[in-house]
Amino acid sequence: QVQLVESGGGLVQAGDSLRLSCSASGRIFSSYTMGWFRQAPGKEREFVVAISWRSGSTLYADSVKGRFTISRDNAKNTVYLQMNSLKPEDTAVYYCAADGSKAFIIHNWAPAYHYWGRGTQVTVSS
């Protein structure tokens, strides 16, 4: 069982930056691919970015490429999402997720992730 807790959300203006953190319980954090998803009001949950457990490789949604950066610190059981040049359309609840399948590929669809945090709200005003 893995428990995930997100933090770092808030209200910012367009063009600002935020860094989200996701702390995970458990001793095998390093074997989980970690992802971030987001869900805006009235919309489906969408993939944002993920980082592989195996190689540290990453996969980004086109909408955030060049603006968001994911990283992980296995010693701290934490994954980070640095969000720069934020836009109003980035407004959503951001969820951290863990994929424990040890797959060699990074999944960008929610059902592939076994554990989820409760989310943190990010609001970007124009």
N, C-alpha and C. Protein backbone atom coordinates (compact mmCIF):
# COMPACT_ATOMS: atom_id res chain seq x y z
N GLN A 1 0.85 -1.19 0.00
CA GLN A 1 0.00 0.00 0.00
C GLN A 1 0.89 1.24 0.00
N VAL A 2 0.53 2.19 -0.83
CA VAL A 2 1.27 3.44 -0.91
C VAL A 2 0.30 4.58 -0.66
N GLN A 3 0.69 5.48 0.18
CA GLN A 3 -0.12 6.68 0.43
C GLN A 3 0.62 7.89 -0.13
N LEU A 4 -0.13 8.71 -0.85
CA LEU A 4 0.45 9.88 -1.51
C LEU A 4 -0.22 11.14 -0.99
N VAL A 5 0.60 12.14 -0.70
CA VAL A 5 0.08 13.40 -0.20
C VAL A 5 0.70 14.54 -1.00
N GLU A 6 -0.16 15.30 -1.68
CA GLU A 6 0.31 16.44 -2.47
C GLU A 6 0.31 17.71 -1.64
N SER A 7 1.17 18.62 -2.03
CA SER A 7 1.21 19.93 -1.39
C SER A 7 1.78 20.94 -2.39
N GLY A 8 1.59 22.22 -2.08
CA GLY A 8 2.21 23.26 -2.89
C GLY A 8 1.26 24.01 -3.80
N GLY A 9 0.00 23.60 -3.84
CA GLY A 9 -0.93 24.31 -4.68
C GLY A 9 -1.24 25.69 -4.14
N GLY A 10 -1.95 26.48 -4.95
CA GLY A 10 -2.31 27.81 -4.49
C GLY A 10 -2.88 28.65 -5.61
N LEU A 11 -3.05 29.92 -5.31
CA LEU A 11 -3.58 30.89 -6.27
C LEU A 11 -2.43 31.78 -6.74
N VAL A 12 -2.22 31.80 -8.04
CA VAL A 12 -1.15 32.60 -8.62
C VAL A 12 -1.68 33.34 -9.84
N GLN A 13 -0.87 34.26 -10.33
CA GLN A 13 -1.24 34.98 -11.54
C GLN A 13 -0.59 34.33 -12.76
N ALA A 14 -1.17 34.60 -13.90
CA ALA A 14 -0.60 34.08 -15.15
C ALA A 14 0.85 34.52 -15.27
N GLY A 15 1.70 33.56 -15.66
CA GLY A 15 3.12 33.83 -15.79
C GLY A 15 3.93 33.46 -14.57
N ASP A 16 3.27 33.24 -13.46
CA ASP A 16 3.96 32.87 -12.22
C ASP A 16 4.36 31.40 -12.23
N SER A 17 5.05 31.02 -11.17
CA SER A 17 5.50 29.64 -11.02
C SER A 17 5.00 29.05 -9.71
N LEU A 18 4.90 27.73 -9.69
CA LEU A 18 4.56 26.99 -8.49
C LEU A 18 5.33 25.68 -8.52
N ARG A 19 5.63 25.15 -7.34
CA ARG A 19 6.22 23.83 -7.28
C ARG A 19 5.34 22.95 -6.40
N LEU A 20 4.84 21.90 -7.00
CA LEU A 20 4.06 20.92 -6.25
C LEU A 20 4.98 19.80 -5.76
N SER A 21 4.62 19.28 -4.62
CA SER A 21 5.35 18.13 -4.07
C SER A 21 4.37 17.01 -3.81
N CYS A 22 4.86 15.80 -3.89
CA CYS A 22 4.06 14.62 -3.57
C CYS A 22 4.93 13.70 -2.73
N SER A 23 4.54 13.54 -1.49
CA SER A 23 5.28 12.67 -0.58
C SER A 23 4.60 11.31 -0.52
N ALA A 24 5.40 10.28 -0.60
CA ALA A 24 4.88 8.91 -0.62
C ALA A 24 5.34 8.13 0.59
N SER A 25 4.45 7.32 1.10
CA SER A 25 4.83 6.40 2.16
C SER A 25 5.38 5.13 1.54
N GLY A 26 5.99 4.29 2.35
CA GLY A 26 6.47 3.02 1.83
C GLY A 26 7.94 3.05 1.50
N ARG A 27 8.53 1.87 1.52
CA ARG A 27 9.97 1.76 1.33
C ARG A 27 10.37 1.43 -0.09
N ILE A 28 9.42 1.27 -0.98
CA ILE A 28 9.77 0.90 -2.35
C ILE A 28 9.36 1.99 -3.33
N PHE A 29 9.43 3.22 -2.88
CA PHE A 29 9.08 4.35 -3.74
C PHE A 29 9.87 4.33 -5.03
N SER A 30 11.12 3.92 -4.95
CA SER A 30 11.99 3.96 -6.12
C SER A 30 11.55 3.01 -7.23
N SER A 31 10.67 2.08 -6.93
CA SER A 31 10.21 1.12 -7.93
C SER A 31 8.88 1.52 -8.57
N TYR A 32 8.39 2.71 -8.24
CA TYR A 32 7.13 3.19 -8.80
C TYR A 32 7.39 4.28 -9.84
N THR A 33 6.75 4.14 -10.97
CA THR A 33 6.66 5.27 -11.88
C THR A 33 5.67 6.26 -11.29
N MET A 34 6.06 7.50 -11.23
CA MET A 34 5.24 8.53 -10.61
C MET A 34 4.70 9.50 -11.65
N GLY A 35 3.44 9.82 -11.50
CA GLY A 35 2.82 10.71 -12.47
C GLY A 35 2.03 11.82 -11.82
N TRP A 36 1.77 12.84 -12.60
CA TRP A 36 0.87 13.93 -12.22
C TRP A 36 -0.26 14.00 -13.24
N PHE A 37 -1.46 14.09 -12.72
CA PHE A 37 -2.64 14.30 -13.53
C PHE A 37 -3.33 15.56 -13.02
N ARG A 38 -4.26 16.07 -13.80
CA ARG A 38 -5.03 17.22 -13.34
C ARG A 38 -6.47 17.10 -13.85
N GLN A 39 -7.35 17.75 -13.11
CA GLN A 39 -8.76 17.74 -13.49
C GLN A 39 -9.35 19.12 -13.24
N ALA A 40 -9.80 19.73 -14.31
CA ALA A 40 -10.46 21.03 -14.22
C ALA A 40 -11.97 20.80 -14.06
N PRO A 41 -12.68 21.78 -13.52
CA PRO A 41 -14.13 21.63 -13.34
C PRO A 41 -14.82 21.30 -14.65
N GLY A 42 -15.65 20.27 -14.62
CA GLY A 42 -16.41 19.88 -15.79
C GLY A 42 -15.63 19.14 -16.84
N LYS A 43 -14.39 18.82 -16.54
CA LYS A 43 -13.56 18.12 -17.52
C LYS A 43 -13.06 16.80 -16.95
N GLU A 44 -12.62 15.92 -17.84
CA GLU A 44 -12.07 14.65 -17.40
C GLU A 44 -10.66 14.85 -16.87
N ARG A 45 -10.24 13.91 -16.06
CA ARG A 45 -8.87 13.93 -15.55
C ARG A 45 -7.92 13.71 -16.72
N GLU A 46 -6.87 14.52 -16.77
CA GLU A 46 -5.94 14.40 -17.89
C GLU A 46 -4.51 14.23 -17.40
N PHE A 47 -3.75 13.52 -18.18
CA PHE A 47 -2.35 13.28 -17.90
C PHE A 47 -1.55 14.56 -18.07
N VAL A 48 -0.61 14.78 -17.17
CA VAL A 48 0.27 15.93 -17.25
C VAL A 48 1.71 15.50 -17.54
N VAL A 49 2.23 14.64 -16.68
CA VAL A 49 3.62 14.23 -16.82
C VAL A 49 3.88 13.03 -15.94
N ALA A 50 4.89 12.23 -16.28
CA ALA A 50 5.29 11.11 -15.43
C ALA A 50 6.79 10.89 -15.56
N ILE A 51 7.32 10.24 -14.52
CA ILE A 51 8.75 9.94 -14.51
C ILE A 51 8.93 8.47 -14.17
N SER A 52 9.74 7.81 -14.96
CA SER A 52 9.93 6.37 -14.84
C SER A 52 10.66 5.99 -13.56
N TRP A 53 10.30 4.83 -13.02
CA TRP A 53 11.02 4.30 -11.86
C TRP A 53 12.39 3.79 -12.27
N ARG A 54 12.47 3.32 -13.51
CA ARG A 54 13.65 2.56 -13.94
C ARG A 54 14.78 3.44 -14.42
N SER A 55 14.47 4.37 -15.30
CA SER A 55 15.52 5.13 -15.96
C SER A 55 15.49 6.62 -15.64
N GLY A 56 14.42 7.03 -14.99
CA GLY A 56 14.28 8.46 -14.77
C GLY A 56 13.81 9.20 -15.99
N SER A 57 13.47 8.45 -17.04
CA SER A 57 12.96 9.12 -18.24
C SER A 57 11.58 9.70 -17.96
N THR A 58 11.20 10.65 -18.77
CA THR A 58 9.96 11.37 -18.52
C THR A 58 9.08 11.40 -19.75
N LEU A 59 7.81 11.65 -19.51
CA LEU A 59 6.83 11.81 -20.57
C LEU A 59 5.94 12.99 -20.21
N TYR A 60 5.83 13.94 -21.11
CA TYR A 60 5.05 15.15 -20.85
C TYR A 60 3.87 15.26 -21.81
N ALA A 61 2.78 15.80 -21.32
CA ALA A 61 1.69 16.18 -22.21
C ALA A 61 2.15 17.38 -23.03
N ASP A 62 1.69 17.46 -24.26
CA ASP A 62 2.11 18.55 -25.14
C ASP A 62 1.78 19.92 -24.54
N SER A 63 0.69 19.97 -23.80
CA SER A 63 0.22 21.25 -23.27
C SER A 63 1.16 21.84 -22.21
N VAL A 64 2.04 21.03 -21.66
CA VAL A 64 2.92 21.53 -20.60
C VAL A 64 4.40 21.45 -20.96
N LYS A 65 4.71 20.89 -22.09
CA LYS A 65 6.11 20.76 -22.51
C LYS A 65 6.79 22.11 -22.54
N GLY A 66 7.98 22.16 -21.98
CA GLY A 66 8.74 23.40 -21.96
C GLY A 66 8.39 24.32 -20.80
N ARG A 67 7.30 24.02 -20.09
CA ARG A 67 6.89 24.87 -18.97
C ARG A 67 6.95 24.12 -17.64
N PHE A 68 6.64 22.83 -17.67
CA PHE A 68 6.61 22.02 -16.45
C PHE A 68 7.79 21.07 -16.45
N THR A 69 8.28 20.77 -15.25
CA THR A 69 9.38 19.83 -15.09
C THR A 69 9.09 18.91 -13.91
N ILE A 70 9.19 17.62 -14.16
CA ILE A 70 9.01 16.65 -13.09
C ILE A 70 10.38 16.15 -12.63
N SER A 71 10.48 15.90 -11.35
CA SER A 71 11.71 15.32 -10.82
C SER A 71 11.34 14.47 -9.61
N ARG A 72 12.27 13.65 -9.20
CA ARG A 72 12.00 12.80 -8.04
C ARG A 72 13.25 12.68 -7.18
N ASP A 73 13.02 12.54 -5.89
CA ASP A 73 14.10 12.32 -4.94
C ASP A 73 13.75 11.04 -4.20
N ASN A 74 14.35 9.95 -4.61
CA ASN A 74 14.00 8.65 -4.02
C ASN A 74 14.40 8.58 -2.55
N ALA A 75 15.42 9.30 -2.17
CA ALA A 75 15.85 9.29 -0.77
C ALA A 75 14.81 9.94 0.13
N LYS A 76 14.04 10.86 -0.45
CA LYS A 76 13.00 11.55 0.33
C LYS A 76 11.61 11.04 0.01
N ASN A 77 11.51 10.02 -0.84
CA ASN A 77 10.20 9.50 -1.25
C ASN A 77 9.29 10.61 -1.76
N THR A 78 9.83 11.48 -2.56
CA THR A 78 9.09 12.65 -3.01
C THR A 78 9.28 12.87 -4.50
N VAL A 79 8.19 13.26 -5.14
CA VAL A 79 8.24 13.67 -6.54
C VAL A 79 7.76 15.12 -6.61
N TYR A 80 8.38 15.88 -7.49
CA TYR A 80 8.09 17.29 -7.60
C TYR A 80 7.58 17.63 -8.99
N LEU A 81 6.78 18.69 -9.04
CA LEU A 81 6.34 19.23 -10.31
C LEU A 81 6.58 20.73 -10.29
N GLN A 82 7.60 21.16 -11.01
CA GLN A 82 7.88 22.58 -11.14
C GLN A 82 7.09 23.12 -12.32
N MET A 83 6.24 24.09 -12.04
CA MET A 83 5.36 24.65 -13.06
C MET A 83 5.73 26.11 -13.28
N ASN A 84 6.19 26.42 -14.46
CA ASN A 84 6.56 27.78 -14.81
C ASN A 84 5.63 28.32 -15.88
N SER A 85 5.64 29.63 -16.04
CA SER A 85 4.82 30.28 -17.07
C SER A 85 3.38 29.77 -17.03
N LEU A 86 2.82 29.76 -15.86
CA LEU A 86 1.47 29.23 -15.69
C LEU A 86 0.44 30.05 -16.46
N LYS A 87 -0.56 29.33 -16.94
CA LYS A 87 -1.64 29.93 -17.72
C LYS A 87 -2.97 29.67 -17.01
N PRO A 88 -3.97 30.50 -17.28
CA PRO A 88 -5.28 30.24 -16.67
C PRO A 88 -5.80 28.83 -16.99
N GLU A 89 -5.48 28.30 -18.16
CA GLU A 89 -5.95 26.96 -18.51
C GLU A 89 -5.24 25.86 -17.74
N ASP A 90 -4.24 26.20 -16.95
CA ASP A 90 -3.61 25.22 -16.07
C ASP A 90 -4.40 25.05 -14.76
N THR A 91 -5.39 25.87 -14.57
CA THR A 91 -6.20 25.78 -13.36
C THR A 91 -6.88 24.43 -13.27
N ALA A 92 -6.64 23.74 -12.17
CA ALA A 92 -7.19 22.39 -11.98
C ALA A 92 -6.79 21.87 -10.60
N VAL A 93 -7.38 20.76 -10.24
CA VAL A 93 -6.87 20.00 -9.10
C VAL A 93 -5.80 19.06 -9.66
N TYR A 94 -4.63 19.10 -9.04
CA TYR A 94 -3.51 18.29 -9.50
C TYR A 94 -3.36 17.08 -8.58
N TYR A 95 -3.28 15.92 -9.20
CA TYR A 95 -3.19 14.66 -8.47
C TYR A 95 -1.86 13.97 -8.74
N CYS A 96 -1.30 13.45 -7.71
CA CYS A 96 -0.11 12.61 -7.81
C CYS A 96 -0.56 11.16 -7.89
N ALA A 97 0.13 10.37 -8.68
CA ALA A 97 -0.26 8.98 -8.86
C ALA A 97 0.97 8.10 -8.97
N ALA A 98 0.82 6.84 -8.56
CA ALA A 98 1.93 5.89 -8.58
C ALA A 98 1.54 4.64 -9.35
N ASP A 99 2.42 4.24 -10.24
CA ASP A 99 2.24 3.01 -11.03
C ASP A 99 3.26 2.01 -10.54
N GLY A 100 2.79 0.96 -9.90
CA GLY A 100 3.68 -0.04 -9.33
C GLY A 100 3.93 -1.24 -10.21
N SER A 101 3.58 -1.17 -11.48
CA SER A 101 3.68 -2.34 -12.35
C SER A 101 5.10 -2.64 -12.80
N LYS A 102 6.02 -1.72 -12.59
CA LYS A 102 7.40 -1.86 -13.06
C LYS A 102 7.46 -2.05 -14.58
N ALA A 103 6.50 -1.45 -15.25
CA ALA A 103 6.51 -1.51 -16.70
C ALA A 103 7.71 -0.73 -17.26
N PHE A 104 8.15 -1.14 -18.44
CA PHE A 104 9.27 -0.47 -19.08
C PHE A 104 8.82 0.79 -19.82
N ILE A 105 7.52 0.96 -19.94
CA ILE A 105 7.01 2.15 -20.61
C ILE A 105 6.31 3.03 -19.58
N ILE A 106 6.20 4.29 -19.88
CA ILE A 106 5.50 5.24 -19.02
C ILE A 106 4.07 5.37 -19.54
N HIS A 107 3.12 5.10 -18.67
CA HIS A 107 1.72 5.20 -19.07
C HIS A 107 1.21 6.62 -18.93
N ASN A 108 0.37 7.02 -19.84
CA ASN A 108 -0.24 8.34 -19.75
C ASN A 108 -1.75 8.26 -19.57
N TRP A 109 -2.23 7.10 -19.11
CA TRP A 109 -3.65 6.98 -18.85
C TRP A 109 -3.89 6.57 -17.41
N ALA A 110 -4.89 7.18 -16.84
CA ALA A 110 -5.12 7.08 -15.40
C ALA A 110 -5.29 5.64 -14.88
N PRO A 111 -5.99 4.76 -15.59
CA PRO A 111 -6.20 3.41 -15.04
C PRO A 111 -4.90 2.63 -14.81
N ALA A 112 -3.81 3.07 -15.41
CA ALA A 112 -2.54 2.36 -15.22
C ALA A 112 -1.91 2.65 -13.86
N TYR A 113 -2.42 3.65 -13.19
CA TYR A 113 -1.85 4.06 -11.91
C TYR A 113 -2.66 3.49 -10.76
N HIS A 114 -1.95 2.90 -9.81
CA HIS A 114 -2.61 2.12 -8.76
C HIS A 114 -2.96 2.95 -7.53
N TYR A 115 -2.19 3.97 -7.29
CA TYR A 115 -2.38 4.75 -6.07
C TYR A 115 -2.49 6.23 -6.43
N TRP A 116 -3.34 6.92 -5.67
CA TRP A 116 -3.62 8.32 -5.95
C TRP A 116 -3.63 9.13 -4.68
N GLY A 117 -3.16 10.38 -4.79
CA GLY A 117 -3.34 11.32 -3.70
C GLY A 117 -4.69 11.98 -3.79
N ARG A 118 -4.97 12.85 -2.84
CA ARG A 118 -6.27 13.52 -2.81
C ARG A 118 -6.30 14.78 -3.65
N GLY A 119 -5.15 15.23 -4.08
CA GLY A 119 -5.10 16.38 -4.96
C GLY A 119 -4.81 17.69 -4.25
N THR A 120 -4.30 18.63 -5.02
CA THR A 120 -4.04 19.98 -4.53
C THR A 120 -4.51 20.96 -5.60
N GLN A 121 -5.20 22.00 -5.16
CA GLN A 121 -5.79 22.95 -6.10
C GLN A 121 -4.75 23.94 -6.59
N VAL A 122 -4.72 24.13 -7.89
CA VAL A 122 -3.91 25.17 -8.51
C VAL A 122 -4.85 26.09 -9.28
N THR A 123 -4.82 27.35 -8.95
CA THR A 123 -5.67 28.33 -9.62
C THR A 123 -4.78 29.43 -10.20
N VAL A 124 -4.93 29.66 -11.49
CA VAL A 124 -4.13 30.68 -12.17
C VAL A 124 -5.07 31.76 -12.68
N SER A 125 -4.90 32.96 -12.17
CA SER A 125 -5.76 34.06 -12.59
C SER A 125 -5.12 34.80 -13.76
N SER A 126 -5.97 35.37 -14.58
CA SER A 126 -5.47 36.08 -15.77
C SER A 126 -5.19 37.54 -15.47
